[in-house]
Amino acid sequence: IQVVDTSGPVQVDPTVGLPPYREAWIRGRD
């Protein structure tokens, strides 16, 4: 079965921060 996964990215360096998941979506808007 598949369930919602809100765990986010795995093993992210806290000094770097989370990757900009939506950046391309945002910048693609005119």
PDB file of all heavy atoms in Angstrom:
ATOM      1  N   ILE A   1       0.857  -1.188   0.000  1.00  0.00           N
ATOM      2  CA  ILE A   1       0.000   0.000   0.000  1.00  0.00           C
ATOM      3  C   ILE A   1       0.895   1.240   0.000  1.00  0.00           C
ATOM      4  O   ILE A   1       2.045   1.193   0.446  1.00  0.00           O
ATOM      5  CB  ILE A   1      -0.964   0.036   1.209  1.00  0.00           C
ATOM      6  CG1 ILE A   1      -0.182   0.054   2.533  1.00  0.00           C
ATOM      7  CG2 ILE A   1      -1.933  -1.118   1.172  1.00  0.00           C
ATOM      8  CD1 ILE A   1      -1.039   0.351   3.742  1.00  0.00           C
ATOM      9  N   GLN A   2       0.361   2.331  -0.510  1.00  0.00           N
ATOM     10  CA  GLN A   2       1.085   3.592  -0.508  1.00  0.00           C
ATOM     11  C   GLN A   2       0.337   4.577   0.385  1.00  0.00           C
ATOM     12  O   GLN A   2      -0.880   4.704   0.289  1.00  0.00           O
ATOM     13  CB  GLN A   2       1.200   4.152  -1.926  1.00  0.00           C
ATOM     14  CG  GLN A   2       2.079   3.284  -2.798  1.00  0.00           C
ATOM     15  CD  GLN A   2       2.177   3.804  -4.224  1.00  0.00           C
ATOM     16  OE1 GLN A   2       1.348   4.572  -4.682  1.00  0.00           O
ATOM     17  NE2 GLN A   2       3.200   3.367  -4.915  1.00  0.00           N
ATOM     18  N   VAL A   3       1.099   5.253   1.254  1.00  0.00           N
ATOM     19  CA  VAL A   3       0.522   6.237   2.161  1.00  0.00           C
ATOM     20  C   VAL A   3       1.267   7.561   1.998  1.00  0.00           C
ATOM     21  O   VAL A   3       2.379   7.606   1.480  1.00  0.00           O
ATOM     22  CB  VAL A   3       0.570   5.772   3.638  1.00  0.00           C
ATOM     23  CG1 VAL A   3      -0.257   4.510   3.837  1.00  0.00           C
ATOM     24  CG2 VAL A   3       1.998   5.547   4.090  1.00  0.00           C
ATOM     25  N   VAL A   4       0.642   8.622   2.455  1.00  0.00           N
ATOM     26  CA  VAL A   4       1.251   9.949   2.378  1.00  0.00           C
ATOM     27  C   VAL A   4       2.578   9.942   3.126  1.00  0.00           C
ATOM     28  O   VAL A   4       2.693   9.401   4.223  1.00  0.00           O
ATOM     29  CB  VAL A   4       0.298  11.001   2.986  1.00  0.00           C
ATOM     30  CG1 VAL A   4       0.967  12.350   3.094  1.00  0.00           C
ATOM     31  CG2 VAL A   4      -0.975  11.092   2.174  1.00  0.00           C
ATOM     32  N   ASP A   5       3.600  10.544   2.519  1.00  0.00           N
ATOM     33  CA  ASP A   5       4.909  10.637   3.158  1.00  0.00           C
ATOM     34  C   ASP A   5       5.286  12.106   3.291  1.00  0.00           C
ATOM     35  O   ASP A   5       5.521  12.786   2.292  1.00  0.00           O
ATOM     36  CB  ASP A   5       5.971   9.910   2.331  1.00  0.00           C
ATOM     37  CG  ASP A   5       7.359  10.086   2.917  1.00  0.00           C
ATOM     38  OD1 ASP A   5       7.508   9.905   4.135  1.00  0.00           O
ATOM     39  OD2 ASP A   5       8.296  10.410   2.157  1.00  0.00           O
ATOM     40  N   THR A   6       5.312  12.598   4.498  1.00  0.00           N
ATOM     41  CA  THR A   6       5.681  13.990   4.732  1.00  0.00           C
ATOM     42  C   THR A   6       7.026  14.091   5.444  1.00  0.00           C
ATOM     43  O   THR A   6       7.325  15.110   6.069  1.00  0.00           O
ATOM     44  CB  THR A   6       4.606  14.706   5.575  1.00  0.00           C
ATOM     45  OG1 THR A   6       4.462  14.003   6.814  1.00  0.00           O
ATOM     46  CG2 THR A   6       3.279  14.757   4.848  1.00  0.00           C
ATOM     47  N   SER A   7       7.854  13.054   5.329  1.00  0.00           N
ATOM     48  CA  SER A   7       9.133  13.039   6.039  1.00  0.00           C
ATOM     49  C   SER A   7      10.147  14.004   5.445  1.00  0.00           C
ATOM     50  O   SER A   7      11.126  14.343   6.088  1.00  0.00           O
ATOM     51  CB  SER A   7       9.708  11.626   6.068  1.00  0.00           C
ATOM     52  OG  SER A   7       9.987  11.176   4.756  1.00  0.00           O
ATOM     53  N   GLY A   8       9.939  14.457   4.226  1.00  0.00           N
ATOM     54  CA  GLY A   8      10.864  15.393   3.602  1.00  0.00           C
ATOM     55  C   GLY A   8      12.141  14.713   3.149  1.00  0.00           C
ATOM     56  O   GLY A   8      12.278  13.489   3.193  1.00  0.00           O
ATOM     57  N   PRO A   9      13.098  15.500   2.694  1.00  0.00           N
ATOM     58  CA  PRO A   9      14.369  14.938   2.234  1.00  0.00           C
ATOM     59  C   PRO A   9      15.098  14.233   3.368  1.00  0.00           C
ATOM     60  O   PRO A   9      14.977  14.621   4.530  1.00  0.00           O
ATOM     61  CB  PRO A   9      15.161  16.154   1.764  1.00  0.00           C
ATOM     62  CG  PRO A   9      14.181  17.250   1.624  1.00  0.00           C
ATOM     63  CD  PRO A   9      13.044  16.946   2.547  1.00  0.00           C
ATOM     64  N   VAL A  10      15.854  13.212   3.031  1.00  0.00           N
ATOM     65  CA  VAL A  10      16.565  12.413   4.024  1.00  0.00           C
ATOM     66  C   VAL A  10      18.011  12.895   4.116  1.00  0.00           C
ATOM     67  O   VAL A  10      18.626  13.252   3.112  1.00  0.00           O
ATOM     68  CB  VAL A  10      16.534  10.921   3.629  1.00  0.00           C
ATOM     69  CG1 VAL A  10      17.105  10.053   4.733  1.00  0.00           C
ATOM     70  CG2 VAL A  10      15.122  10.490   3.313  1.00  0.00           C
ATOM     71  N   GLN A  11      18.558  12.907   5.310  1.00  0.00           N
ATOM     72  CA  GLN A  11      19.947  13.255   5.585  1.00  0.00           C
ATOM     73  C   GLN A  11      20.359  14.578   4.949  1.00  0.00           C
ATOM     74  O   GLN A  11      21.308  14.653   4.177  1.00  0.00           O
ATOM     75  CB  GLN A  11      20.884  12.131   5.133  1.00  0.00           C
ATOM     76  CG  GLN A  11      20.742  10.885   5.958  1.00  0.00           C
ATOM     77  CD  GLN A  11      21.804   9.857   5.634  1.00  0.00           C
ATOM     78  OE1 GLN A  11      22.425   9.890   4.578  1.00  0.00           O
ATOM     79  NE2 GLN A  11      22.027   8.939   6.543  1.00  0.00           N
ATOM     80  N   VAL A  12      19.663  15.643   5.293  1.00  0.00           N
ATOM     81  CA  VAL A  12      20.001  16.974   4.811  1.00  0.00           C
ATOM     82  C   VAL A  12      20.892  17.650   5.843  1.00  0.00           C
ATOM     83  O   VAL A  12      20.613  17.613   7.038  1.00  0.00           O
ATOM     84  CB  VAL A  12      18.722  17.808   4.573  1.00  0.00           C
ATOM     85  CG1 VAL A  12      19.053  19.239   4.219  1.00  0.00           C
ATOM     86  CG2 VAL A  12      17.880  17.171   3.498  1.00  0.00           C
ATOM     87  N   ASP A  13      21.963  18.261   5.385  1.00  0.00           N
ATOM     88  CA  ASP A  13      22.880  18.981   6.256  1.00  0.00           C
ATOM     89  C   ASP A  13      22.187  20.255   6.749  1.00  0.00           C
ATOM     90  O   ASP A  13      21.820  21.115   5.944  1.00  0.00           O
ATOM     91  CB  ASP A  13      24.145  19.333   5.478  1.00  0.00           C
ATOM     92  CG  ASP A  13      25.189  20.037   6.320  1.00  0.00           C
ATOM     93  OD1 ASP A  13      24.903  20.381   7.488  1.00  0.00           O
ATOM     94  OD2 ASP A  13      26.301  20.270   5.797  1.00  0.00           O
ATOM     95  N   PRO A  14      21.996  20.407   8.054  1.00  0.00           N
ATOM     96  CA  PRO A  14      21.279  21.585   8.559  1.00  0.00           C
ATOM     97  C   PRO A  14      22.003  22.901   8.299  1.00  0.00           C
ATOM     98  O   PRO A  14      21.391  23.956   8.320  1.00  0.00           O
ATOM     99  CB  PRO A  14      21.118  21.322  10.058  1.00  0.00           C
ATOM    100  CG  PRO A  14      22.121  20.293  10.383  1.00  0.00           C
ATOM    101  CD  PRO A  14      22.368  19.496   9.137  1.00  0.00           C
ATOM    102  N   THR A  15      23.301  22.854   8.046  1.00  0.00           N
ATOM    103  CA  THR A  15      24.015  24.095   7.741  1.00  0.00           C
ATOM    104  C   THR A  15      23.829  24.509   6.290  1.00  0.00           C
ATOM    105  O   THR A  15      24.193  25.615   5.907  1.00  0.00           O
ATOM    106  CB  THR A  15      25.520  23.957   8.038  1.00  0.00           C
ATOM    107  OG1 THR A  15      26.074  22.940   7.197  1.00  0.00           O
ATOM    108  CG2 THR A  15      25.759  23.618   9.504  1.00  0.00           C
ATOM    109  N   VAL A  16      23.264  23.641   5.490  1.00  0.00           N
ATOM    110  CA  VAL A  16      23.000  23.956   4.084  1.00  0.00           C
ATOM    111  C   VAL A  16      21.524  24.269   3.870  1.00  0.00           C
ATOM    112  O   VAL A  16      21.156  25.098   3.054  1.00  0.00           O
ATOM    113  CB  VAL A  16      23.439  22.782   3.169  1.00  0.00           C
ATOM    114  CG1 VAL A  16      23.079  23.043   1.730  1.00  0.00           C
ATOM    115  CG2 VAL A  16      24.934  22.535   3.310  1.00  0.00           C
ATOM    116  N   GLY A  17      20.651  23.613   4.628  1.00  0.00           N
ATOM    117  CA  GLY A  17      19.223  23.844   4.506  1.00  0.00           C
ATOM    118  C   GLY A  17      18.573  22.873   3.532  1.00  0.00           C
ATOM    119  O   GLY A  17      19.236  22.067   2.873  1.00  0.00           O
ATOM    120  N   LEU A  18      17.263  22.945   3.452  1.00  0.00           N
ATOM    121  CA  LEU A  18      16.506  22.067   2.568  1.00  0.00           C
ATOM    122  C   LEU A  18      16.673  22.488   1.113  1.00  0.00           C
ATOM    123  O   LEU A  18      16.811  23.681   0.825  1.00  0.00           O
ATOM    124  CB  LEU A  18      15.018  22.106   2.936  1.00  0.00           C
ATOM    125  CG  LEU A  18      14.655  21.569   4.316  1.00  0.00           C
ATOM    126  CD1 LEU A  18      13.198  21.862   4.628  1.00  0.00           C
ATOM    127  CD2 LEU A  18      14.936  20.091   4.406  1.00  0.00           C
ATOM    128  N   PRO A  19      16.636  21.535   0.197  1.00  0.00           N
ATOM    129  CA  PRO A  19      16.730  21.895  -1.211  1.00  0.00           C
ATOM    130  C   PRO A  19      15.500  22.679  -1.661  1.00  0.00           C
ATOM    131  O   PRO A  19      14.398  22.447  -1.153  1.00  0.00           O
ATOM    132  CB  PRO A  19      16.828  20.542  -1.933  1.00  0.00           C
ATOM    133  CG  PRO A  19      16.344  19.535  -0.957  1.00  0.00           C
ATOM    134  CD  PRO A  19      16.538  20.095   0.414  1.00  0.00           C
ATOM    135  N   PRO A  20      15.659  23.596  -2.601  1.00  0.00           N
ATOM    136  CA  PRO A  20      14.532  24.422  -3.060  1.00  0.00           C
ATOM    137  C   PRO A  20      13.631  23.650  -4.014  1.00  0.00           C
ATOM    138  O   PRO A  20      13.637  23.850  -5.223  1.00  0.00           O
ATOM    139  CB  PRO A  20      15.217  25.598  -3.758  1.00  0.00           C
ATOM    140  CG  PRO A  20      16.506  25.026  -4.240  1.00  0.00           C
ATOM    141  CD  PRO A  20      16.918  23.995  -3.221  1.00  0.00           C
ATOM    142  N   TYR A  21      12.822  22.771  -3.458  1.00  0.00           N
ATOM    143  CA  TYR A  21      11.984  21.837  -4.206  1.00  0.00           C
ATOM    144  C   TYR A  21      11.134  22.519  -5.277  1.00  0.00           C
ATOM    145  O   TYR A  21      10.985  22.034  -6.377  1.00  0.00           O
ATOM    146  CB  TYR A  21      11.092  21.092  -3.196  1.00  0.00           C
ATOM    147  CG  TYR A  21      10.253  20.003  -3.769  1.00  0.00           C
ATOM    148  CD1 TYR A  21      10.809  18.761  -4.047  1.00  0.00           C
ATOM    149  CD2 TYR A  21       8.912  20.207  -4.049  1.00  0.00           C
ATOM    150  CE1 TYR A  21      10.037  17.752  -4.577  1.00  0.00           C
ATOM    151  CE2 TYR A  21       8.140  19.203  -4.576  1.00  0.00           C
ATOM    152  CZ  TYR A  21       8.707  17.976  -4.843  1.00  0.00           C
ATOM    153  OH  TYR A  21       7.943  16.978  -5.374  1.00  0.00           O
ATOM    154  N   ARG A  22      10.560  23.681  -4.959  1.00  0.00           N
ATOM    155  CA  ARG A  22       9.615  24.354  -5.855  1.00  0.00           C
ATOM    156  C   ARG A  22      10.235  25.497  -6.664  1.00  0.00           C
ATOM    157  O   ARG A  22       9.533  26.209  -7.376  1.00  0.00           O
ATOM    158  CB  ARG A  22       8.452  24.930  -5.033  1.00  0.00           C
ATOM    159  CG  ARG A  22       7.666  23.911  -4.279  1.00  0.00           C
ATOM    160  CD  ARG A  22       6.627  24.521  -3.321  1.00  0.00           C
ATOM    161  NE  ARG A  22       6.012  25.728  -3.786  1.00  0.00           N
ATOM    162  CZ  ARG A  22       6.142  26.930  -3.187  1.00  0.00           C
ATOM    163  NH1 ARG A  22       6.855  27.064  -2.101  1.00  0.00           N
ATOM    164  NH2 ARG A  22       5.530  27.986  -3.672  1.00  0.00           N
ATOM    165  N   GLU A  23      11.530  25.695  -6.565  1.00  0.00           N
ATOM    166  CA  GLU A  23      12.146  26.865  -7.201  1.00  0.00           C
ATOM    167  C   GLU A  23      11.864  26.942  -8.705  1.00  0.00           C
ATOM    168  O   GLU A  23      11.506  28.006  -9.222  1.00  0.00           O
ATOM    169  CB  GLU A  23      13.648  26.888  -6.951  1.00  0.00           C
ATOM    170  CG  GLU A  23      14.303  28.144  -7.478  1.00  0.00           C
ATOM    171  CD  GLU A  23      15.747  28.281  -7.040  1.00  0.00           C
ATOM    172  OE1 GLU A  23      16.379  27.257  -6.710  1.00  0.00           O
ATOM    173  OE2 GLU A  23      16.234  29.412  -7.033  1.00  0.00           O
ATOM    174  N   ALA A  24      11.999  25.848  -9.416  1.00  0.00           N
ATOM    175  CA  ALA A  24      11.752  25.866 -10.864  1.00  0.00           C
ATOM    176  C   ALA A  24      10.289  26.197 -11.165  1.00  0.00           C
ATOM    177  O   ALA A  24       9.998  26.899 -12.140  1.00  0.00           O
ATOM    178  CB  ALA A  24      12.129  24.521 -11.483  1.00  0.00           C
ATOM    179  N   TRP A  25       9.374  25.719 -10.342  1.00  0.00           N
ATOM    180  CA  TRP A  25       7.951  26.029 -10.535  1.00  0.00           C
ATOM    181  C   TRP A  25       7.721  27.529 -10.404  1.00  0.00           C
ATOM    182  O   TRP A  25       7.016  28.149 -11.200  1.00  0.00           O
ATOM    183  CB  TRP A  25       7.078  25.326  -9.506  1.00  0.00           C
ATOM    184  CG  TRP A  25       7.176  23.846  -9.439  1.00  0.00           C
ATOM    185  CD1 TRP A  25       7.812  23.002 -10.317  1.00  0.00           C
ATOM    186  CD2 TRP A  25       6.621  23.012  -8.424  1.00  0.00           C
ATOM    187  NE1 TRP A  25       7.678  21.704  -9.905  1.00  0.00           N
ATOM    188  CE2 TRP A  25       6.955  21.677  -8.743  1.00  0.00           C
ATOM    189  CE3 TRP A  25       5.892  23.259  -7.285  1.00  0.00           C
ATOM    190  CZ2 TRP A  25       6.565  20.604  -7.967  1.00  0.00           C
ATOM    191  CZ3 TRP A  25       5.506  22.182  -6.505  1.00  0.00           C
ATOM    192  CH2 TRP A  25       5.837  20.873  -6.839  1.00  0.00           C
ATOM    193  N   ILE A  26       8.316  28.112  -9.361  1.00  0.00           N
ATOM    194  CA  ILE A  26       8.115  29.533  -9.074  1.00  0.00           C
ATOM    195  C   ILE A  26       8.746  30.400 -10.158  1.00  0.00           C
ATOM    196  O   ILE A  26       8.119  31.312 -10.685  1.00  0.00           O
ATOM    197  CB  ILE A  26       8.689  29.885  -7.683  1.00  0.00           C
ATOM    198  CG1 ILE A  26       7.909  29.152  -6.585  1.00  0.00           C
ATOM    199  CG2 ILE A  26       8.678  31.392  -7.447  1.00  0.00           C
ATOM    200  CD1 ILE A  26       8.588  29.159  -5.230  1.00  0.00           C
ATOM    201  N   ARG A  27       9.985  30.113 -10.488  1.00  0.00           N
ATOM    202  CA  ARG A  27      10.694  30.923 -11.485  1.00  0.00           C
ATOM    203  C   ARG A  27      10.109  30.750 -12.888  1.00  0.00           C
ATOM    204  O   ARG A  27      10.307  31.612 -13.741  1.00  0.00           O
ATOM    205  CB  ARG A  27      12.169  30.601 -11.474  1.00  0.00           C
ATOM    206  CG  ARG A  27      12.845  31.067 -10.201  1.00  0.00           C
ATOM    207  CD  ARG A  27      14.350  30.877 -10.258  1.00  0.00           C
ATOM    208  NE  ARG A  27      14.958  31.221  -8.999  1.00  0.00           N
ATOM    209  CZ  ARG A  27      15.212  32.456  -8.583  1.00  0.00           C
ATOM    210  NH1 ARG A  27      14.897  33.465  -9.348  1.00  0.00           N
ATOM    211  NH2 ARG A  27      15.777  32.672  -7.417  1.00  0.00           N
ATOM    212  N   GLY A  28       9.381  29.680 -13.126  1.00  0.00           N
ATOM    213  CA  GLY A  28       8.771  29.446 -14.428  1.00  0.00           C
ATOM    214  C   GLY A  28       7.535  30.291 -14.683  1.00  0.00           C
ATOM    215  O   GLY A  28       7.021  30.326 -15.802  1.00  0.00           O
ATOM    216  N   ARG A  29       7.070  30.993 -13.674  1.00  0.00           N
ATOM    217  CA  ARG A  29       5.873  31.829 -13.827  1.00  0.00           C
ATOM    218  C   ARG A  29       6.277  33.193 -14.377  1.00  0.00           C
ATOM    219  O   ARG A  29       7.254  33.785 -13.928  1.00  0.00           O
ATOM    220  CB  ARG A  29       5.158  31.970 -12.489  1.00  0.00           C
ATOM    221  CG  ARG A  29       4.643  30.629 -12.028  1.00  0.00           C
ATOM    222  CD  ARG A  29       3.898  30.710 -10.725  1.00  0.00           C
ATOM    223  NE  ARG A  29       3.493  29.364 -10.367  1.00  0.00           N
ATOM    224  CZ  ARG A  29       3.592  28.842  -9.154  1.00  0.00           C
ATOM    225  NH1 ARG A  29       4.047  29.567  -8.167  1.00  0.00           N
ATOM    226  NH2 ARG A  29       3.212  27.604  -8.929  1.00  0.00           N
ATOM    227  N   ASP A  30       5.492  33.697 -15.314  1.00  0.00           N
ATOM    228  CA  ASP A  30       5.850  34.948 -15.973  1.00  0.00           C
ATOM    229  C   ASP A  30       5.645  36.185 -15.111  1.00  0.00           C
ATOM    230  O   ASP A  30       6.156  37.249 -15.416  1.00  0.00           O
ATOM    231  CB  ASP A  30       5.083  35.098 -17.290  1.00  0.00           C
ATOM    232  CG  ASP A  30       3.569  35.080 -17.099  1.00  0.00           C
ATOM    233  OD1 ASP A  30       3.098  34.883 -15.971  1.00  0.00           O
ATOM    234  OD2 ASP A  30       2.855  35.256 -18.105  1.00  0.00           O
TER     235      ASP A  30
END
